[in-house]
Amino acid sequence: MSYLDRDLIRIGVDVEKQNEVIEMLGMLMEEKQLVKPTYVQAVLDREKIYPTGLPTRGISVAIPHTDSSHVKKSAIGLAVLHQPVGFSLMGGDGSEQIDAQIVFLLAISDSKAQIELLKKLMRLFQNDEVLSKIVAAEEVEVIYEYLDEALKN
């Protein structure tokens, strides 16, 4: 199953807060009828309780998501931010922030598939070279190809 859609990948996104990037990607998903109108708020609410910021050795990422009841069809939205924004550290109490430069907004309709996708994404996040190439990419197609390859493995 492919979760990728070129229309859900944005480069050079200018936002100041995490909720802005979540809302932007979430609205793209809603326009394509991939998620229900409740999706964006559900992601924002979940992020307050279960933060999703992941520090890596190089470029930090965030993987905001919510439960499958708000999803019609599985998809991944991705934003490469012009300047990193703060996300609370995953597994933390919300007090520690990381500056995420890549945000993967996950909309997964099957909770079992979500676990497998997260495993694949974690492998991707450990590859500093690929994360650097994603941040440096000037075309959506380049990012799409990197992600497509990473999610096949």
N, C-alpha and C. Protein backbone atom coordinates (compact mmCIF):
# COMPACT_ATOMS: atom_id res chain seq x y z
N MET A 1 0.84 -1.19 0.00
CA MET A 1 0.00 0.00 0.00
C MET A 1 0.88 1.24 0.00
N SER A 2 0.58 2.17 -0.88
CA SER A 2 1.35 3.41 -0.93
C SER A 2 0.62 4.48 -0.14
N TYR A 3 1.37 5.11 0.75
CA TYR A 3 0.82 6.20 1.55
C TYR A 3 1.18 7.55 0.96
N LEU A 4 1.97 7.52 -0.10
CA LEU A 4 2.54 8.75 -0.63
C LEU A 4 1.67 9.39 -1.70
N ASP A 5 1.67 10.72 -1.68
CA ASP A 5 0.96 11.51 -2.66
C ASP A 5 1.78 12.79 -2.83
N ARG A 6 2.22 13.03 -4.04
CA ARG A 6 3.05 14.21 -4.30
C ARG A 6 2.38 15.51 -3.86
N ASP A 7 1.05 15.55 -3.91
CA ASP A 7 0.30 16.75 -3.53
C ASP A 7 0.36 17.03 -2.02
N LEU A 8 0.85 16.06 -1.26
CA LEU A 8 0.92 16.23 0.20
C LEU A 8 2.34 16.50 0.68
N ILE A 9 3.23 16.82 -0.24
CA ILE A 9 4.62 17.13 0.10
C ILE A 9 4.86 18.61 -0.17
N ARG A 10 5.36 19.30 0.83
CA ARG A 10 5.64 20.74 0.70
C ARG A 10 7.09 21.01 1.09
N ILE A 11 7.73 21.90 0.35
CA ILE A 11 9.13 22.26 0.57
C ILE A 11 9.21 23.75 0.94
N GLY A 12 10.13 24.09 1.85
CA GLY A 12 10.35 25.49 2.20
C GLY A 12 9.19 26.14 2.91
N VAL A 13 8.51 25.37 3.74
CA VAL A 13 7.32 25.86 4.43
C VAL A 13 7.72 26.85 5.52
N ASP A 14 7.08 28.00 5.52
CA ASP A 14 7.33 29.04 6.52
C ASP A 14 6.22 29.03 7.56
N VAL A 15 6.51 28.52 8.74
CA VAL A 15 5.57 28.54 9.85
C VAL A 15 6.35 28.91 11.11
N GLU A 16 5.62 29.36 12.12
CA GLU A 16 6.27 29.72 13.38
C GLU A 16 5.97 28.73 14.49
N LYS A 17 4.86 27.99 14.35
CA LYS A 17 4.44 27.07 15.40
C LYS A 17 4.03 25.73 14.81
N GLN A 18 4.13 24.70 15.65
CA GLN A 18 3.79 23.36 15.19
C GLN A 18 2.35 23.25 14.70
N ASN A 19 1.43 23.92 15.37
CA ASN A 19 0.03 23.79 14.96
C ASN A 19 -0.20 24.30 13.54
N GLU A 20 0.61 25.27 13.09
CA GLU A 20 0.45 25.80 11.73
C GLU A 20 0.79 24.76 10.68
N VAL A 21 1.85 24.00 10.89
CA VAL A 21 2.23 22.99 9.90
C VAL A 21 1.25 21.81 9.95
N ILE A 22 0.78 21.45 11.14
CA ILE A 22 -0.22 20.39 11.26
C ILE A 22 -1.51 20.79 10.54
N GLU A 23 -1.93 22.03 10.76
CA GLU A 23 -3.16 22.51 10.12
C GLU A 23 -3.01 22.56 8.60
N MET A 24 -1.85 23.05 8.11
CA MET A 24 -1.63 23.15 6.68
C MET A 24 -1.68 21.78 6.01
N LEU A 25 -0.90 20.82 6.53
CA LEU A 25 -0.89 19.48 5.94
C LEU A 25 -2.24 18.78 6.12
N GLY A 26 -2.85 18.96 7.27
CA GLY A 26 -4.15 18.35 7.54
C GLY A 26 -5.23 18.85 6.60
N MET A 27 -5.19 20.14 6.29
CA MET A 27 -6.18 20.69 5.37
C MET A 27 -5.97 20.16 3.95
N LEU A 28 -4.71 19.95 3.57
CA LEU A 28 -4.46 19.33 2.26
C LEU A 28 -5.08 17.93 2.21
N MET A 29 -4.92 17.19 3.31
CA MET A 29 -5.51 15.84 3.38
C MET A 29 -7.04 15.90 3.35
N GLU A 30 -7.58 16.88 4.05
CA GLU A 30 -9.05 17.00 4.08
C GLU A 30 -9.58 17.38 2.70
N GLU A 31 -8.89 18.28 1.99
CA GLU A 31 -9.31 18.67 0.65
C GLU A 31 -9.33 17.48 -0.30
N LYS A 32 -8.41 16.54 -0.10
CA LYS A 32 -8.35 15.34 -0.94
C LYS A 32 -9.26 14.23 -0.40
N GLN A 33 -10.04 14.55 0.63
CA GLN A 33 -10.99 13.63 1.26
C GLN A 33 -10.32 12.37 1.79
N LEU A 34 -9.10 12.54 2.32
CA LEU A 34 -8.38 11.43 2.93
C LEU A 34 -8.68 11.31 4.42
N VAL A 35 -9.09 12.44 5.02
CA VAL A 35 -9.38 12.47 6.46
C VAL A 35 -10.72 13.14 6.69
N LYS A 36 -11.26 12.90 7.86
CA LYS A 36 -12.53 13.51 8.24
C LYS A 36 -12.28 14.93 8.75
N PRO A 37 -13.32 15.75 8.79
CA PRO A 37 -13.16 17.12 9.29
C PRO A 37 -12.65 17.18 10.75
N THR A 38 -12.77 16.10 11.47
CA THR A 38 -12.32 16.05 12.87
C THR A 38 -10.82 15.79 13.00
N TYR A 39 -10.18 15.43 11.90
CA TYR A 39 -8.79 14.97 11.92
C TYR A 39 -7.81 16.00 12.49
N VAL A 40 -7.79 17.20 11.95
CA VAL A 40 -6.79 18.20 12.36
C VAL A 40 -6.88 18.47 13.86
N GLN A 41 -8.08 18.70 14.36
CA GLN A 41 -8.22 18.97 15.80
C GLN A 41 -7.80 17.76 16.63
N ALA A 42 -8.11 16.59 16.15
CA ALA A 42 -7.71 15.37 16.87
C ALA A 42 -6.18 15.25 16.95
N VAL A 43 -5.50 15.58 15.86
CA VAL A 43 -4.04 15.56 15.86
C VAL A 43 -3.50 16.59 16.85
N LEU A 44 -4.03 17.80 16.80
CA LEU A 44 -3.58 18.86 17.71
C LEU A 44 -3.81 18.47 19.17
N ASP A 45 -4.96 17.88 19.45
CA ASP A 45 -5.26 17.45 20.82
C ASP A 45 -4.32 16.34 21.27
N ARG A 46 -4.06 15.39 20.40
CA ARG A 46 -3.18 14.27 20.75
C ARG A 46 -1.75 14.75 20.98
N GLU A 47 -1.32 15.71 20.19
CA GLU A 47 0.05 16.23 20.29
C GLU A 47 0.31 16.83 21.67
N LYS A 48 -0.73 17.39 22.28
CA LYS A 48 -0.58 17.98 23.63
C LYS A 48 -0.32 16.90 24.68
N ILE A 49 -0.91 15.72 24.48
CA ILE A 49 -0.81 14.63 25.47
C ILE A 49 0.35 13.69 25.14
N TYR A 50 0.48 13.38 23.86
CA TYR A 50 1.51 12.45 23.39
C TYR A 50 2.36 13.15 22.33
N PRO A 51 3.37 13.90 22.76
CA PRO A 51 4.18 14.64 21.79
C PRO A 51 4.94 13.72 20.84
N THR A 52 5.30 14.27 19.68
CA THR A 52 5.89 13.44 18.64
C THR A 52 7.22 13.96 18.09
N GLY A 53 7.88 14.85 18.79
CA GLY A 53 9.18 15.34 18.34
C GLY A 53 10.26 14.29 18.54
N LEU A 54 11.04 14.02 17.50
CA LEU A 54 12.10 13.01 17.56
C LEU A 54 13.45 13.65 17.26
N PRO A 55 14.32 13.71 18.24
CA PRO A 55 15.65 14.24 17.95
C PRO A 55 16.45 13.17 17.20
N THR A 56 17.18 13.58 16.23
CA THR A 56 18.09 12.68 15.52
C THR A 56 19.48 13.28 15.64
N ARG A 57 20.46 12.56 15.15
CA ARG A 57 21.83 13.08 15.23
C ARG A 57 21.99 14.35 14.41
N GLY A 58 21.18 14.51 13.39
CA GLY A 58 21.33 15.68 12.52
C GLY A 58 20.07 16.51 12.49
N ILE A 59 19.16 16.15 11.62
CA ILE A 59 17.94 16.91 11.39
C ILE A 59 16.79 16.27 12.17
N SER A 60 16.20 17.03 13.07
CA SER A 60 15.12 16.48 13.89
C SER A 60 13.81 16.47 13.11
N VAL A 61 12.96 15.51 13.48
CA VAL A 61 11.68 15.32 12.80
C VAL A 61 10.55 15.26 13.83
N ALA A 62 9.33 15.39 13.33
CA ALA A 62 8.14 15.18 14.16
C ALA A 62 7.17 14.34 13.34
N ILE A 63 6.43 13.48 14.04
CA ILE A 63 5.47 12.61 13.35
C ILE A 63 4.08 12.70 13.99
N PRO A 64 3.47 13.89 13.94
CA PRO A 64 2.14 14.02 14.52
C PRO A 64 1.13 13.10 13.82
N HIS A 65 0.21 12.57 14.62
CA HIS A 65 -0.82 11.67 14.09
C HIS A 65 -1.93 11.54 15.13
N THR A 66 -2.96 10.82 14.77
CA THR A 66 -4.05 10.54 15.70
C THR A 66 -4.62 9.17 15.35
N ASP A 67 -5.67 8.78 16.07
CA ASP A 67 -6.19 7.43 15.85
C ASP A 67 -6.97 7.34 14.55
N SER A 68 -7.14 6.12 14.11
CA SER A 68 -7.69 5.84 12.78
C SER A 68 -9.15 6.25 12.59
N SER A 69 -9.86 6.51 13.66
CA SER A 69 -11.28 6.88 13.52
C SER A 69 -11.48 8.20 12.78
N HIS A 70 -10.42 8.98 12.64
CA HIS A 70 -10.50 10.28 11.95
C HIS A 70 -9.98 10.20 10.51
N VAL A 71 -9.63 9.00 10.07
CA VAL A 71 -8.99 8.81 8.76
C VAL A 71 -9.90 8.02 7.83
N LYS A 72 -10.03 8.51 6.60
CA LYS A 72 -10.79 7.79 5.57
C LYS A 72 -9.87 6.89 4.76
N LYS A 73 -8.71 7.42 4.35
CA LYS A 73 -7.76 6.69 3.53
C LYS A 73 -6.36 7.05 4.00
N SER A 74 -5.52 6.06 4.16
CA SER A 74 -4.18 6.28 4.69
C SER A 74 -3.33 7.18 3.78
N ALA A 75 -2.55 8.05 4.43
CA ALA A 75 -1.69 8.97 3.69
C ALA A 75 -0.62 9.53 4.62
N ILE A 76 0.45 10.03 4.00
CA ILE A 76 1.49 10.75 4.73
C ILE A 76 1.63 12.12 4.10
N GLY A 77 1.54 13.14 4.94
CA GLY A 77 1.85 14.50 4.51
C GLY A 77 3.25 14.82 5.01
N LEU A 78 4.01 15.57 4.23
CA LEU A 78 5.37 15.90 4.64
C LEU A 78 5.63 17.37 4.36
N ALA A 79 6.20 18.04 5.35
CA ALA A 79 6.61 19.43 5.16
C ALA A 79 8.08 19.56 5.56
N VAL A 80 8.86 20.11 4.65
CA VAL A 80 10.23 20.50 4.97
C VAL A 80 10.16 21.98 5.32
N LEU A 81 10.49 22.29 6.55
CA LEU A 81 10.33 23.65 7.04
C LEU A 81 11.53 24.52 6.69
N HIS A 82 11.24 25.77 6.33
CA HIS A 82 12.30 26.73 6.04
C HIS A 82 13.16 26.94 7.28
N GLN A 83 12.51 27.08 8.42
CA GLN A 83 13.17 27.17 9.72
C GLN A 83 12.51 26.16 10.65
N PRO A 84 13.29 25.44 11.43
CA PRO A 84 12.69 24.46 12.35
C PRO A 84 11.71 25.12 13.33
N VAL A 85 10.73 24.32 13.76
CA VAL A 85 9.79 24.77 14.80
C VAL A 85 9.81 23.78 15.95
N GLY A 86 9.44 24.27 17.12
CA GLY A 86 9.47 23.44 18.32
C GLY A 86 8.34 22.43 18.38
N PHE A 87 8.71 21.20 18.67
CA PHE A 87 7.78 20.12 18.99
C PHE A 87 8.25 19.54 20.31
N SER A 88 7.32 19.18 21.17
CA SER A 88 7.70 18.55 22.43
C SER A 88 8.28 17.17 22.14
N LEU A 89 9.25 16.80 22.95
CA LEU A 89 9.96 15.54 22.80
C LEU A 89 9.04 14.35 23.03
N MET A 90 9.07 13.39 22.09
CA MET A 90 8.27 12.18 22.22
C MET A 90 8.64 11.44 23.50
N GLY A 91 7.63 11.02 24.23
CA GLY A 91 7.87 10.29 25.46
C GLY A 91 8.15 11.18 26.65
N GLY A 92 8.20 12.48 26.41
CA GLY A 92 8.47 13.42 27.50
C GLY A 92 7.20 13.97 28.09
N ASP A 93 7.38 14.87 29.03
CA ASP A 93 6.23 15.48 29.71
C ASP A 93 5.78 16.78 29.05
N GLY A 94 6.39 17.11 27.92
CA GLY A 94 6.02 18.32 27.21
C GLY A 94 6.91 19.50 27.51
N SER A 95 7.79 19.36 28.49
CA SER A 95 8.64 20.48 28.86
C SER A 95 9.88 20.61 27.98
N GLU A 96 10.34 19.49 27.40
CA GLU A 96 11.53 19.53 26.56
C GLU A 96 11.13 19.62 25.09
N GLN A 97 11.68 20.62 24.40
CA GLN A 97 11.36 20.86 23.00
C GLN A 97 12.53 20.46 22.11
N ILE A 98 12.20 19.99 20.93
CA ILE A 98 13.21 19.78 19.89
C ILE A 98 12.79 20.65 18.71
N ASP A 99 13.75 21.06 17.92
CA ASP A 99 13.47 21.87 16.75
C ASP A 99 13.38 20.96 15.53
N ALA A 100 12.16 20.68 15.11
CA ALA A 100 11.93 19.78 13.97
C ALA A 100 11.98 20.57 12.67
N GLN A 101 12.70 20.02 11.69
CA GLN A 101 12.75 20.65 10.38
C GLN A 101 11.95 19.87 9.34
N ILE A 102 11.69 18.60 9.63
CA ILE A 102 10.84 17.80 8.74
C ILE A 102 9.67 17.29 9.57
N VAL A 103 8.47 17.50 9.06
CA VAL A 103 7.26 17.05 9.75
C VAL A 103 6.53 16.06 8.86
N PHE A 104 6.33 14.86 9.40
CA PHE A 104 5.57 13.81 8.72
C PHE A 104 4.21 13.75 9.41
N LEU A 105 3.16 14.17 8.74
CA LEU A 105 1.82 14.08 9.31
C LEU A 105 1.22 12.77 8.82
N LEU A 106 0.94 11.88 9.77
CA LEU A 106 0.46 10.54 9.43
C LEU A 106 -1.04 10.43 9.57
N ALA A 107 -1.66 9.88 8.56
CA ALA A 107 -3.09 9.57 8.58
C ALA A 107 -3.20 8.10 8.18
N ILE A 108 -3.36 7.25 9.17
CA ILE A 108 -3.35 5.81 8.91
C ILE A 108 -4.69 5.22 9.33
N SER A 109 -5.35 4.54 8.41
CA SER A 109 -6.69 4.02 8.68
C SER A 109 -6.68 2.67 9.39
N ASP A 110 -5.55 1.98 9.39
CA ASP A 110 -5.45 0.65 10.01
C ASP A 110 -4.36 0.69 11.08
N SER A 111 -4.74 0.48 12.33
CA SER A 111 -3.77 0.60 13.43
C SER A 111 -2.63 -0.42 13.32
N LYS A 112 -2.90 -1.60 12.76
CA LYS A 112 -1.83 -2.59 12.56
C LYS A 112 -0.82 -2.09 11.53
N ALA A 113 -1.30 -1.48 10.47
CA ALA A 113 -0.43 -0.94 9.44
C ALA A 113 0.39 0.23 9.99
N GLN A 114 -0.17 0.95 10.95
CA GLN A 114 0.53 2.10 11.53
C GLN A 114 1.83 1.66 12.21
N ILE A 115 1.80 0.55 12.90
CA ILE A 115 3.00 0.05 13.58
C ILE A 115 4.09 -0.27 12.56
N GLU A 116 3.72 -0.93 11.47
CA GLU A 116 4.70 -1.26 10.43
C GLU A 116 5.26 0.00 9.78
N LEU A 117 4.39 0.95 9.50
CA LEU A 117 4.84 2.21 8.91
C LEU A 117 5.80 2.93 9.85
N LEU A 118 5.48 2.97 11.12
CA LEU A 118 6.36 3.65 12.08
C LEU A 118 7.73 2.99 12.13
N LYS A 119 7.79 1.68 12.03
CA LYS A 119 9.08 0.98 12.00
C LYS A 119 9.91 1.43 10.79
N LYS A 120 9.25 1.50 9.63
CA LYS A 120 9.96 1.92 8.42
C LYS A 120 10.42 3.37 8.53
N LEU A 121 9.57 4.22 9.09
CA LEU A 121 9.95 5.62 9.25
C LEU A 121 11.11 5.76 10.24
N MET A 122 11.11 4.97 11.30
CA MET A 122 12.21 5.04 12.28
C MET A 122 13.54 4.68 11.62
N ARG A 123 13.53 3.71 10.73
CA ARG A 123 14.76 3.38 9.99
C ARG A 123 15.19 4.57 9.14
N LEU A 124 14.23 5.20 8.50
CA LEU A 124 14.53 6.38 7.69
C LEU A 124 15.12 7.49 8.56
N PHE A 125 14.56 7.70 9.74
CA PHE A 125 15.02 8.78 10.62
C PHE A 125 16.44 8.55 11.11
N GLN A 126 16.89 7.32 11.10
CA GLN A 126 18.25 7.00 11.53
C GLN A 126 19.27 7.20 10.41
N ASN A 127 18.80 7.52 9.22
CA ASN A 127 19.68 7.71 8.08
C ASN A 127 19.89 9.21 7.86
N ASP A 128 20.94 9.74 8.48
CA ASP A 128 21.22 11.18 8.40
C ASP A 128 21.39 11.66 6.96
N GLU A 129 21.97 10.80 6.13
CA GLU A 129 22.22 11.19 4.74
C GLU A 129 20.90 11.44 4.00
N VAL A 130 19.94 10.55 4.18
CA VAL A 130 18.66 10.71 3.50
C VAL A 130 17.91 11.93 4.05
N LEU A 131 17.93 12.12 5.36
CA LEU A 131 17.26 13.29 5.94
C LEU A 131 17.89 14.58 5.40
N SER A 132 19.19 14.60 5.27
CA SER A 132 19.87 15.78 4.71
C SER A 132 19.46 16.01 3.27
N LYS A 133 19.34 14.94 2.51
CA LYS A 133 18.93 15.06 1.10
C LYS A 133 17.49 15.56 1.00
N ILE A 134 16.63 15.12 1.91
CA ILE A 134 15.24 15.59 1.91
C ILE A 134 15.20 17.09 2.17
N VAL A 135 15.96 17.54 3.16
CA VAL A 135 15.97 18.97 3.50
C VAL A 135 16.56 19.80 2.36
N ALA A 136 17.55 19.26 1.67
CA ALA A 136 18.21 19.99 0.59
C ALA A 136 17.44 19.95 -0.73
N ALA A 137 16.49 19.04 -0.84
CA ALA A 137 15.76 18.86 -2.11
C ALA A 137 15.02 20.14 -2.49
N GLU A 138 15.07 20.42 -3.78
CA GLU A 138 14.37 21.60 -4.30
C GLU A 138 13.13 21.23 -5.10
N GLU A 139 12.91 19.93 -5.24
CA GLU A 139 11.74 19.47 -6.00
C GLU A 139 11.02 18.37 -5.21
N VAL A 140 9.70 18.42 -5.25
CA VAL A 140 8.87 17.44 -4.58
C VAL A 140 9.20 16.03 -5.07
N GLU A 141 9.43 15.89 -6.36
CA GLU A 141 9.69 14.57 -6.93
C GLU A 141 10.89 13.88 -6.29
N VAL A 142 11.92 14.65 -5.95
CA VAL A 142 13.11 14.10 -5.31
C VAL A 142 12.75 13.52 -3.95
N ILE A 143 11.99 14.26 -3.16
CA ILE A 143 11.57 13.79 -1.84
C ILE A 143 10.67 12.56 -1.98
N TYR A 144 9.76 12.61 -2.94
CA TYR A 144 8.86 11.48 -3.18
C TYR A 144 9.66 10.21 -3.44
N GLU A 145 10.68 10.31 -4.27
CA GLU A 145 11.50 9.13 -4.61
C GLU A 145 12.24 8.58 -3.38
N TYR A 146 12.81 9.48 -2.56
CA TYR A 146 13.50 9.04 -1.34
C TYR A 146 12.51 8.31 -0.42
N LEU A 147 11.34 8.88 -0.24
CA LEU A 147 10.35 8.27 0.66
C LEU A 147 9.82 6.96 0.10
N ASP A 148 9.55 6.97 -1.18
CA ASP A 148 9.04 5.75 -1.82
C ASP A 148 10.03 4.60 -1.61
N GLU A 149 11.29 4.86 -1.81
CA GLU A 149 12.32 3.84 -1.63
C GLU A 149 12.39 3.40 -0.16
N ALA A 150 12.34 4.35 0.76
CA ALA A 150 12.44 4.03 2.18
C ALA A 150 11.26 3.19 2.66
N LEU A 151 10.08 3.47 2.13
CA LEU A 151 8.89 2.78 2.59
C LEU A 151 8.71 1.41 1.94
N LYS A 152 9.45 1.14 0.87
CA LYS A 152 9.41 -0.18 0.24
C LYS A 152 10.19 -1.19 1.04
N ASN A 153 11.24 -0.75 1.69
CA ASN A 153 12.13 -1.66 2.44
C ASN A 153 11.50 -2.16 3.72
